[in-house]
């Protein structure tokens, strides 16, 4: 894996370092996804890095769900379902958080033209909830100027009383 991403600098991005707590950088990634197998490998690598950096199962679940959605959207909408075109995934996992960018080769889209999936007329539509899901699970979501990339930022959840702990988090 190639070290390339240092922080999100896209419009509206998280801007900060994922290891802003000063604990150090666990991992940086740049991978190309051209198949569902590649997607699984990239998801597993990011989650393994999060586990190694001490993130909770709650954080890993959130990042995996949002990242999988972003890659599927790139494949489905950016590449019109063609796996042969490269989807570039750049990520940085640190003790303080995670920043992952997903960029496809498509023409991009205008975020302002995406219908609100929570509007009454859209509630029964079978699609259009991916961006909503990403926003719900991440600390911050931003998009490239061209509209062919998404950046997912998630700060580390605090551990302690009152914080949801998944079974996999227990020693």
N, C-alpha and C. Protein backbone atom coordinates (compact mmCIF):
# COMPACT_ATOMS: atom_id res chain seq x y z
N UNK A 1 0.83 -1.17 0.00
CA UNK A 1 0.00 0.00 0.00
C UNK A 1 0.89 1.25 0.00
N UNK A 2 0.46 2.27 -0.71
CA UNK A 2 1.24 3.48 -0.87
C UNK A 2 0.77 4.54 0.11
N UNK A 3 1.69 5.23 0.75
CA UNK A 3 1.34 6.31 1.66
C UNK A 3 1.11 7.59 0.87
N UNK A 4 -0.13 8.10 0.85
CA UNK A 4 -0.39 9.32 0.12
C UNK A 4 -1.27 10.32 0.85
N UNK A 5 -2.31 9.90 1.52
CA UNK A 5 -3.26 10.82 2.12
C UNK A 5 -2.74 11.32 3.46
N UNK A 6 -2.70 12.63 3.63
CA UNK A 6 -2.29 13.18 4.92
C UNK A 6 -3.48 13.75 5.68
N UNK A 7 -4.41 14.38 5.00
CA UNK A 7 -5.63 14.90 5.62
C UNK A 7 -6.60 15.25 4.49
N UNK A 8 -7.86 15.40 4.82
CA UNK A 8 -8.84 15.77 3.80
C UNK A 8 -8.72 17.27 3.54
N UNK A 9 -8.48 17.62 2.28
CA UNK A 9 -8.41 19.04 1.93
C UNK A 9 -9.46 19.38 0.87
N UNK A 10 -10.47 18.55 0.74
CA UNK A 10 -11.55 18.83 -0.19
C UNK A 10 -12.48 19.87 0.42
N UNK A 11 -13.31 20.53 -0.40
CA UNK A 11 -14.22 21.56 0.12
C UNK A 11 -15.11 20.99 1.23
N UNK A 12 -15.12 21.66 2.36
CA UNK A 12 -15.95 21.23 3.48
C UNK A 12 -15.38 20.04 4.22
N UNK A 13 -14.16 19.66 3.92
CA UNK A 13 -13.55 18.47 4.52
C UNK A 13 -13.23 18.63 5.99
N UNK A 14 -12.84 17.52 6.59
CA UNK A 14 -12.55 17.55 8.02
C UNK A 14 -11.29 18.36 8.28
N UNK A 15 -10.40 18.46 7.28
CA UNK A 15 -9.24 19.33 7.37
C UNK A 15 -8.19 18.89 8.37
N UNK A 16 -8.57 18.21 9.41
CA UNK A 16 -7.61 17.84 10.45
C UNK A 16 -6.98 16.49 10.21
N UNK A 17 -5.97 16.25 10.97
CA UNK A 17 -5.28 14.96 10.92
C UNK A 17 -6.11 13.93 11.68
N UNK A 18 -6.21 12.71 11.18
CA UNK A 18 -6.96 11.69 11.90
C UNK A 18 -6.29 11.29 13.21
N UNK A 19 -5.02 11.62 13.38
CA UNK A 19 -4.32 11.29 14.61
C UNK A 19 -4.07 12.55 15.43
N UNK A 20 -5.07 13.44 15.43
CA UNK A 20 -4.91 14.75 16.06
C UNK A 20 -4.68 14.68 17.57
N UNK A 21 -4.87 13.52 18.17
CA UNK A 21 -4.61 13.42 19.60
C UNK A 21 -3.13 13.22 19.90
N UNK A 22 -2.31 13.21 18.85
CA UNK A 22 -0.87 13.11 19.03
C UNK A 22 -0.36 11.71 19.28
N UNK A 23 -1.22 10.73 19.20
CA UNK A 23 -0.80 9.36 19.51
C UNK A 23 -0.05 8.70 18.35
N UNK A 24 0.01 9.34 17.21
CA UNK A 24 0.76 8.77 16.10
C UNK A 24 -0.12 8.16 15.05
N UNK A 25 0.46 7.94 13.89
CA UNK A 25 -0.26 7.41 12.74
C UNK A 25 -0.14 5.89 12.72
N UNK A 26 -1.27 5.23 12.55
CA UNK A 26 -1.25 3.77 12.45
C UNK A 26 -0.98 3.34 11.01
N UNK A 27 -1.73 3.87 10.05
CA UNK A 27 -1.61 3.39 8.68
C UNK A 27 -2.10 4.41 7.68
N UNK A 28 -1.51 4.37 6.50
CA UNK A 28 -1.98 5.14 5.35
C UNK A 28 -2.15 4.15 4.20
N UNK A 29 -3.14 4.43 3.34
CA UNK A 29 -3.44 3.52 2.25
C UNK A 29 -3.70 4.26 0.96
N UNK A 30 -3.36 3.62 -0.13
CA UNK A 30 -3.91 3.97 -1.43
C UNK A 30 -4.05 2.65 -2.17
N UNK A 31 -5.27 2.33 -2.51
CA UNK A 31 -5.58 1.08 -3.20
C UNK A 31 -6.51 1.36 -4.37
N UNK A 32 -6.47 0.49 -5.36
CA UNK A 32 -7.38 0.57 -6.50
C UNK A 32 -8.35 -0.59 -6.40
N UNK A 33 -9.64 -0.27 -6.48
CA UNK A 33 -10.69 -1.28 -6.43
C UNK A 33 -11.21 -1.48 -7.85
N UNK A 34 -11.16 -2.73 -8.34
CA UNK A 34 -11.68 -3.07 -9.66
C UNK A 34 -12.63 -4.26 -9.62
N UNK A 35 -12.96 -4.72 -8.41
CA UNK A 35 -13.85 -5.88 -8.28
C UNK A 35 -14.42 -5.90 -6.87
N UNK A 36 -15.43 -6.74 -6.68
CA UNK A 36 -16.00 -6.87 -5.34
C UNK A 36 -14.98 -7.51 -4.40
N UNK A 37 -14.10 -8.36 -4.93
CA UNK A 37 -13.04 -8.96 -4.13
C UNK A 37 -12.08 -7.88 -3.63
N UNK A 38 -11.70 -6.97 -4.53
CA UNK A 38 -10.84 -5.85 -4.13
C UNK A 38 -11.53 -5.01 -3.05
N UNK A 39 -12.82 -4.78 -3.22
CA UNK A 39 -13.56 -3.99 -2.24
C UNK A 39 -13.48 -4.64 -0.86
N UNK A 40 -13.71 -5.93 -0.79
CA UNK A 40 -13.64 -6.64 0.48
C UNK A 40 -12.27 -6.56 1.10
N UNK A 41 -11.23 -6.68 0.29
CA UNK A 41 -9.85 -6.61 0.77
C UNK A 41 -9.55 -5.23 1.36
N UNK A 42 -10.00 -4.17 0.68
CA UNK A 42 -9.77 -2.81 1.15
C UNK A 42 -10.55 -2.55 2.45
N UNK A 43 -11.80 -2.96 2.49
CA UNK A 43 -12.59 -2.80 3.71
C UNK A 43 -11.92 -3.52 4.88
N UNK A 44 -11.48 -4.74 4.66
CA UNK A 44 -10.83 -5.51 5.72
C UNK A 44 -9.54 -4.84 6.19
N UNK A 45 -8.77 -4.28 5.26
CA UNK A 45 -7.50 -3.62 5.61
C UNK A 45 -7.75 -2.38 6.46
N UNK A 46 -8.74 -1.58 6.09
CA UNK A 46 -9.04 -0.36 6.87
C UNK A 46 -9.52 -0.74 8.26
N UNK A 47 -10.39 -1.75 8.35
CA UNK A 47 -10.90 -2.17 9.66
C UNK A 47 -9.79 -2.76 10.51
N UNK A 48 -8.88 -3.52 9.90
CA UNK A 48 -7.75 -4.08 10.64
C UNK A 48 -6.86 -2.95 11.18
N UNK A 49 -6.65 -1.92 10.39
CA UNK A 49 -5.85 -0.78 10.84
C UNK A 49 -6.56 -0.06 11.99
N UNK A 50 -7.88 0.05 11.91
CA UNK A 50 -8.64 0.68 12.99
C UNK A 50 -8.51 -0.14 14.28
N UNK A 51 -8.62 -1.45 14.15
CA UNK A 51 -8.49 -2.32 15.32
C UNK A 51 -7.10 -2.17 15.92
N UNK A 52 -6.09 -2.14 15.05
CA UNK A 52 -4.72 -1.97 15.52
C UNK A 52 -4.48 -0.64 16.20
N UNK A 53 -5.24 0.38 15.82
CA UNK A 53 -5.10 1.71 16.42
C UNK A 53 -5.99 1.87 17.65
N UNK A 54 -6.71 0.80 18.03
CA UNK A 54 -7.51 0.83 19.24
C UNK A 54 -8.92 1.37 19.10
N UNK A 55 -9.44 1.45 17.87
CA UNK A 55 -10.81 1.93 17.68
C UNK A 55 -11.80 0.86 18.14
N UNK A 56 -12.97 1.31 18.54
CA UNK A 56 -14.02 0.40 19.01
C UNK A 56 -14.71 -0.30 17.84
N UNK A 57 -15.43 -1.35 18.14
CA UNK A 57 -16.24 -2.02 17.13
C UNK A 57 -17.31 -1.10 16.57
N UNK A 58 -17.80 -0.19 17.40
CA UNK A 58 -18.80 0.80 16.96
C UNK A 58 -18.22 1.66 15.85
N UNK A 59 -17.00 2.15 16.03
CA UNK A 59 -16.35 2.97 15.00
C UNK A 59 -16.06 2.15 13.75
N UNK A 60 -15.58 0.94 13.93
CA UNK A 60 -15.27 0.08 12.78
C UNK A 60 -16.53 -0.22 11.98
N UNK A 61 -17.63 -0.50 12.66
CA UNK A 61 -18.90 -0.76 11.98
C UNK A 61 -19.31 0.45 11.15
N UNK A 62 -19.23 1.64 11.75
CA UNK A 62 -19.64 2.87 11.07
C UNK A 62 -18.80 3.13 9.82
N UNK A 63 -17.49 2.99 9.96
CA UNK A 63 -16.60 3.24 8.82
C UNK A 63 -16.81 2.20 7.74
N UNK A 64 -16.92 0.94 8.11
CA UNK A 64 -17.13 -0.11 7.12
C UNK A 64 -18.43 0.12 6.34
N UNK A 65 -19.51 0.46 7.03
CA UNK A 65 -20.79 0.68 6.37
C UNK A 65 -20.70 1.86 5.40
N UNK A 66 -20.15 2.98 5.85
CA UNK A 66 -20.06 4.17 5.00
C UNK A 66 -19.10 3.97 3.84
N UNK A 67 -17.96 3.33 4.09
CA UNK A 67 -16.97 3.10 3.04
C UNK A 67 -17.51 2.13 1.98
N UNK A 68 -18.17 1.08 2.42
CA UNK A 68 -18.77 0.14 1.48
C UNK A 68 -19.81 0.86 0.61
N UNK A 69 -20.61 1.70 1.21
CA UNK A 69 -21.62 2.47 0.48
C UNK A 69 -20.94 3.38 -0.55
N UNK A 70 -19.86 4.04 -0.15
CA UNK A 70 -19.16 4.95 -1.06
C UNK A 70 -18.56 4.20 -2.26
N UNK A 71 -17.98 3.05 -2.02
CA UNK A 71 -17.39 2.26 -3.11
C UNK A 71 -18.49 1.75 -4.04
N UNK A 72 -19.58 1.26 -3.47
CA UNK A 72 -20.69 0.78 -4.29
C UNK A 72 -21.28 1.92 -5.12
N UNK A 73 -21.42 3.11 -4.52
CA UNK A 73 -21.92 4.27 -5.28
C UNK A 73 -20.98 4.62 -6.43
N UNK A 74 -19.68 4.57 -6.19
CA UNK A 74 -18.70 4.86 -7.25
C UNK A 74 -18.85 3.85 -8.39
N UNK A 75 -19.00 2.59 -8.04
CA UNK A 75 -19.17 1.53 -9.04
C UNK A 75 -20.47 1.69 -9.80
N UNK A 76 -21.56 1.87 -9.06
CA UNK A 76 -22.90 1.91 -9.67
C UNK A 76 -23.16 3.21 -10.44
N UNK A 77 -22.86 4.35 -9.83
CA UNK A 77 -23.19 5.63 -10.44
C UNK A 77 -22.04 6.22 -11.24
N UNK A 78 -20.83 6.20 -10.69
CA UNK A 78 -19.69 6.79 -11.38
C UNK A 78 -19.23 5.99 -12.58
N UNK A 79 -19.26 4.64 -12.44
CA UNK A 79 -18.78 3.77 -13.51
C UNK A 79 -19.89 2.98 -14.18
N UNK A 80 -21.13 3.33 -13.90
CA UNK A 80 -22.30 2.66 -14.52
C UNK A 80 -22.21 1.15 -14.43
N UNK A 81 -21.70 0.65 -13.29
CA UNK A 81 -21.65 -0.79 -13.06
C UNK A 81 -20.46 -1.51 -13.67
N UNK A 82 -19.51 -0.79 -14.25
CA UNK A 82 -18.33 -1.42 -14.88
C UNK A 82 -17.21 -1.56 -13.85
N UNK A 83 -16.91 -2.79 -13.44
CA UNK A 83 -15.86 -3.03 -12.45
C UNK A 83 -14.46 -2.78 -13.00
N UNK A 84 -14.27 -2.83 -14.29
CA UNK A 84 -12.93 -2.68 -14.85
C UNK A 84 -12.31 -1.32 -14.64
N UNK A 85 -13.14 -0.28 -14.44
CA UNK A 85 -12.59 1.06 -14.23
C UNK A 85 -12.11 1.19 -12.79
N UNK A 86 -10.98 1.89 -12.58
CA UNK A 86 -10.43 1.96 -11.22
C UNK A 86 -11.20 2.92 -10.31
N UNK A 87 -11.45 2.45 -9.11
CA UNK A 87 -11.96 3.29 -8.03
C UNK A 87 -10.80 3.41 -7.05
N UNK A 88 -10.33 4.63 -6.83
CA UNK A 88 -9.18 4.84 -5.97
C UNK A 88 -9.66 5.11 -4.55
N UNK A 89 -9.11 4.35 -3.61
CA UNK A 89 -9.43 4.52 -2.20
C UNK A 89 -8.14 4.92 -1.48
N UNK A 90 -8.16 6.10 -0.89
CA UNK A 90 -7.03 6.60 -0.11
C UNK A 90 -7.49 6.72 1.33
N UNK A 91 -6.70 6.27 2.25
CA UNK A 91 -7.12 6.36 3.63
C UNK A 91 -5.98 6.58 4.59
N UNK A 92 -6.35 7.12 5.71
CA UNK A 92 -5.40 7.32 6.80
C UNK A 92 -6.11 6.99 8.09
N UNK A 93 -5.54 6.09 8.84
CA UNK A 93 -6.11 5.68 10.12
C UNK A 93 -5.12 6.04 11.21
N UNK A 94 -5.57 6.78 12.17
CA UNK A 94 -4.75 7.12 13.32
C UNK A 94 -5.50 6.87 14.60
N UNK A 95 -4.84 7.03 15.71
CA UNK A 95 -5.49 6.81 17.00
C UNK A 95 -6.65 7.76 17.22
N UNK A 96 -6.61 8.95 16.60
CA UNK A 96 -7.66 9.94 16.81
C UNK A 96 -8.81 9.86 15.83
N UNK A 97 -8.66 9.09 14.75
CA UNK A 97 -9.75 9.00 13.79
C UNK A 97 -9.34 8.41 12.47
N UNK A 98 -10.25 8.50 11.51
CA UNK A 98 -10.09 7.90 10.19
C UNK A 98 -10.52 8.91 9.13
N UNK A 99 -9.74 8.99 8.05
CA UNK A 99 -10.11 9.79 6.88
C UNK A 99 -9.94 8.87 5.67
N UNK A 100 -11.01 8.69 4.89
CA UNK A 100 -10.94 7.84 3.70
C UNK A 100 -11.60 8.57 2.53
N UNK A 101 -10.89 8.64 1.42
CA UNK A 101 -11.43 9.22 0.19
C UNK A 101 -11.67 8.11 -0.82
N UNK A 102 -12.80 8.20 -1.52
CA UNK A 102 -13.14 7.26 -2.59
C UNK A 102 -13.38 8.10 -3.83
N UNK A 103 -12.65 7.80 -4.90
CA UNK A 103 -12.75 8.59 -6.12
C UNK A 103 -12.91 7.68 -7.33
N UNK A 104 -13.93 7.97 -8.14
CA UNK A 104 -14.16 7.19 -9.35
C UNK A 104 -13.73 7.99 -10.58
N UNK A 105 -13.85 7.38 -11.75
CA UNK A 105 -13.44 8.01 -13.00
C UNK A 105 -14.62 8.63 -13.76
N UNK A 106 -15.78 8.63 -13.13
CA UNK A 106 -16.99 9.15 -13.78
C UNK A 106 -17.01 10.67 -13.87
N UNK A 107 -18.08 11.20 -14.48
CA UNK A 107 -18.19 12.64 -14.69
C UNK A 107 -18.52 13.42 -13.41
N UNK A 108 -18.92 12.74 -12.36
CA UNK A 108 -19.29 13.40 -11.13
C UNK A 108 -20.76 13.77 -11.11
N UNK A 109 -21.20 14.38 -10.02
CA UNK A 109 -22.59 14.77 -9.89
C UNK A 109 -22.67 16.03 -9.05
N UNK A 110 -23.80 16.70 -9.14
CA UNK A 110 -24.06 17.91 -8.37
C UNK A 110 -24.85 17.51 -7.13
N UNK A 111 -24.23 17.62 -5.99
CA UNK A 111 -24.85 17.22 -4.74
C UNK A 111 -26.19 17.93 -4.51
N UNK A 112 -26.30 19.15 -4.99
CA UNK A 112 -27.53 19.92 -4.85
C UNK A 112 -28.70 19.35 -5.64
N UNK A 113 -28.43 18.48 -6.59
CA UNK A 113 -29.49 17.89 -7.41
C UNK A 113 -29.96 16.54 -6.87
N UNK A 114 -29.37 16.07 -5.78
CA UNK A 114 -29.77 14.78 -5.21
C UNK A 114 -31.03 14.99 -4.38
N UNK A 115 -32.11 14.26 -4.68
CA UNK A 115 -33.36 14.43 -3.93
C UNK A 115 -33.19 14.03 -2.46
N UNK A 116 -33.90 14.71 -1.60
CA UNK A 116 -33.88 14.40 -0.17
C UNK A 116 -34.63 13.09 0.06
N UNK A 117 -33.94 12.04 0.52
CA UNK A 117 -34.61 10.75 0.69
C UNK A 117 -35.62 10.74 1.83
N UNK A 118 -35.60 11.77 2.68
CA UNK A 118 -36.56 11.82 3.78
C UNK A 118 -37.82 12.62 3.42
N UNK A 119 -37.84 13.22 2.22
CA UNK A 119 -39.03 13.95 1.78
C UNK A 119 -40.17 12.95 1.55
N UNK A 120 -41.39 13.32 1.88
CA UNK A 120 -42.53 12.39 1.75
C UNK A 120 -42.62 11.71 0.38
N UNK A 121 -42.36 12.44 -0.70
CA UNK A 121 -42.47 11.85 -2.04
C UNK A 121 -41.35 10.85 -2.34
N UNK A 122 -40.31 10.80 -1.51
CA UNK A 122 -39.18 9.90 -1.76
C UNK A 122 -39.10 8.73 -0.77
N UNK A 123 -39.99 8.68 0.19
CA UNK A 123 -39.91 7.67 1.23
C UNK A 123 -40.03 6.23 0.72
N UNK A 124 -40.75 6.02 -0.36
CA UNK A 124 -40.94 4.67 -0.87
C UNK A 124 -40.02 4.33 -2.04
N UNK A 125 -39.11 5.23 -2.37
CA UNK A 125 -38.14 4.95 -3.45
C UNK A 125 -37.17 3.89 -2.97
N UNK A 126 -36.74 3.05 -3.87
CA UNK A 126 -35.82 1.96 -3.49
C UNK A 126 -34.36 2.39 -3.49
N UNK A 127 -34.07 3.61 -3.88
CA UNK A 127 -32.68 4.07 -3.89
C UNK A 127 -32.60 5.49 -3.35
N UNK A 128 -31.39 5.98 -3.21
CA UNK A 128 -31.21 7.36 -2.79
C UNK A 128 -30.88 7.55 -1.32
N UNK A 129 -30.53 6.48 -0.63
CA UNK A 129 -30.25 6.61 0.79
C UNK A 129 -28.78 6.46 1.14
N UNK A 130 -27.95 6.21 0.16
CA UNK A 130 -26.52 6.00 0.42
C UNK A 130 -25.83 7.19 1.04
N UNK A 131 -26.05 8.37 0.49
CA UNK A 131 -25.43 9.59 1.03
C UNK A 131 -25.95 9.87 2.44
N UNK A 132 -27.24 9.64 2.65
CA UNK A 132 -27.83 9.82 3.98
C UNK A 132 -27.16 8.89 5.00
N UNK A 133 -26.96 7.65 4.60
CA UNK A 133 -26.32 6.67 5.48
C UNK A 133 -24.89 7.07 5.81
N UNK A 134 -24.15 7.52 4.78
CA UNK A 134 -22.77 7.96 5.02
C UNK A 134 -22.74 9.10 6.03
N UNK A 135 -23.62 10.08 5.84
CA UNK A 135 -23.65 11.24 6.75
C UNK A 135 -24.04 10.82 8.17
N UNK A 136 -24.93 9.84 8.28
CA UNK A 136 -25.39 9.41 9.59
C UNK A 136 -24.29 8.73 10.40
N UNK A 137 -23.39 8.02 9.73
CA UNK A 137 -22.38 7.24 10.44
C UNK A 137 -21.01 7.91 10.54
N UNK A 138 -20.79 8.97 9.80
CA UNK A 138 -19.48 9.61 9.82
C UNK A 138 -19.56 10.95 10.55
N UNK A 139 -18.42 11.42 11.04
CA UNK A 139 -18.35 12.72 11.69
C UNK A 139 -18.55 13.82 10.66
N UNK A 140 -17.97 13.61 9.49
CA UNK A 140 -18.06 14.60 8.41
C UNK A 140 -17.94 13.89 7.07
N UNK A 141 -18.71 14.36 6.09
CA UNK A 141 -18.65 13.83 4.72
C UNK A 141 -18.53 15.03 3.79
N UNK A 142 -17.57 14.98 2.88
CA UNK A 142 -17.45 16.05 1.89
C UNK A 142 -17.22 15.43 0.52
N UNK A 143 -17.30 16.24 -0.51
CA UNK A 143 -17.21 15.76 -1.89
C UNK A 143 -16.18 16.55 -2.66
N UNK A 144 -15.56 15.91 -3.62
CA UNK A 144 -14.58 16.59 -4.47
C UNK A 144 -15.28 17.66 -5.29
N UNK A 145 -14.53 18.62 -5.74
CA UNK A 145 -15.11 19.71 -6.54
C UNK A 145 -15.82 19.18 -7.78
N UNK A 146 -15.23 18.17 -8.40
CA UNK A 146 -15.80 17.60 -9.61
C UNK A 146 -17.05 16.76 -9.34
N UNK A 147 -17.19 16.30 -8.10
CA UNK A 147 -18.36 15.49 -7.75
C UNK A 147 -18.16 14.01 -8.01
N UNK A 148 -16.91 13.59 -8.25
CA UNK A 148 -16.64 12.17 -8.49
C UNK A 148 -15.89 11.53 -7.34
N UNK A 149 -15.88 12.20 -6.19
CA UNK A 149 -15.19 11.64 -5.04
C UNK A 149 -15.88 12.05 -3.75
N UNK A 150 -15.77 11.19 -2.76
CA UNK A 150 -16.33 11.47 -1.44
C UNK A 150 -15.24 11.23 -0.41
N UNK A 151 -15.22 12.07 0.62
CA UNK A 151 -14.28 11.90 1.72
C UNK A 151 -15.09 11.65 2.98
N UNK A 152 -14.74 10.57 3.66
CA UNK A 152 -15.43 10.16 4.87
C UNK A 152 -14.49 10.38 6.05
N UNK A 153 -14.90 11.17 7.01
CA UNK A 153 -14.09 11.47 8.19
C UNK A 153 -14.84 11.02 9.43
N UNK A 154 -14.15 10.31 10.30
CA UNK A 154 -14.76 9.91 11.57
C UNK A 154 -13.73 10.01 12.67
N UNK A 155 -14.07 10.81 13.68
CA UNK A 155 -13.24 10.90 14.87
C UNK A 155 -13.47 9.68 15.74
N UNK A 156 -12.51 9.40 16.57
CA UNK A 156 -12.60 8.25 17.46
C UNK A 156 -13.68 8.49 18.52
N UNK A 157 -14.51 7.49 18.75
CA UNK A 157 -15.54 7.57 19.78
C UNK A 157 -14.89 7.42 21.15
N UNK A 158 -15.39 8.14 22.13
CA UNK A 158 -14.84 7.98 23.48
C UNK A 158 -15.24 6.63 24.05
N UNK A 159 -14.39 6.07 24.86
CA UNK A 159 -14.70 4.81 25.53
C UNK A 159 -15.08 5.13 26.97
N UNK A 160 -15.87 4.32 27.57
CA UNK A 160 -16.23 4.53 28.96
C UNK A 160 -17.69 4.29 29.20
N UNK A 161 -18.15 4.59 30.43
CA UNK A 161 -19.55 4.37 30.79
C UNK A 161 -20.48 5.16 29.86
N UNK A 162 -21.57 4.53 29.47
CA UNK A 162 -22.55 5.18 28.63
C UNK A 162 -22.25 5.09 27.15
N UNK A 163 -21.11 4.53 26.79
CA UNK A 163 -20.74 4.39 25.38
C UNK A 163 -21.07 2.96 24.96
N UNK A 164 -21.76 2.84 23.83
CA UNK A 164 -22.12 1.51 23.34
C UNK A 164 -20.86 0.70 23.05
N UNK A 165 -20.81 -0.49 23.53
CA UNK A 165 -19.69 -1.38 23.31
C UNK A 165 -20.21 -2.63 22.63
N UNK A 166 -19.60 -2.98 21.51
CA UNK A 166 -19.98 -4.18 20.81
C UNK A 166 -19.20 -5.36 21.41
N UNK A 167 -19.74 -6.54 21.27
CA UNK A 167 -19.14 -7.73 21.84
C UNK A 167 -17.66 -7.88 21.45
N UNK A 168 -17.33 -7.52 20.21
CA UNK A 168 -15.95 -7.66 19.75
C UNK A 168 -15.00 -6.71 20.42
N UNK A 169 -15.49 -5.71 21.17
CA UNK A 169 -14.64 -4.75 21.87
C UNK A 169 -14.18 -5.25 23.21
N UNK A 170 -14.82 -6.29 23.71
CA UNK A 170 -14.48 -6.75 25.07
C UNK A 170 -13.18 -7.55 25.03
N UNK A 171 -12.35 -7.35 26.08
CA UNK A 171 -11.07 -8.09 26.13
C UNK A 171 -11.27 -9.58 26.25
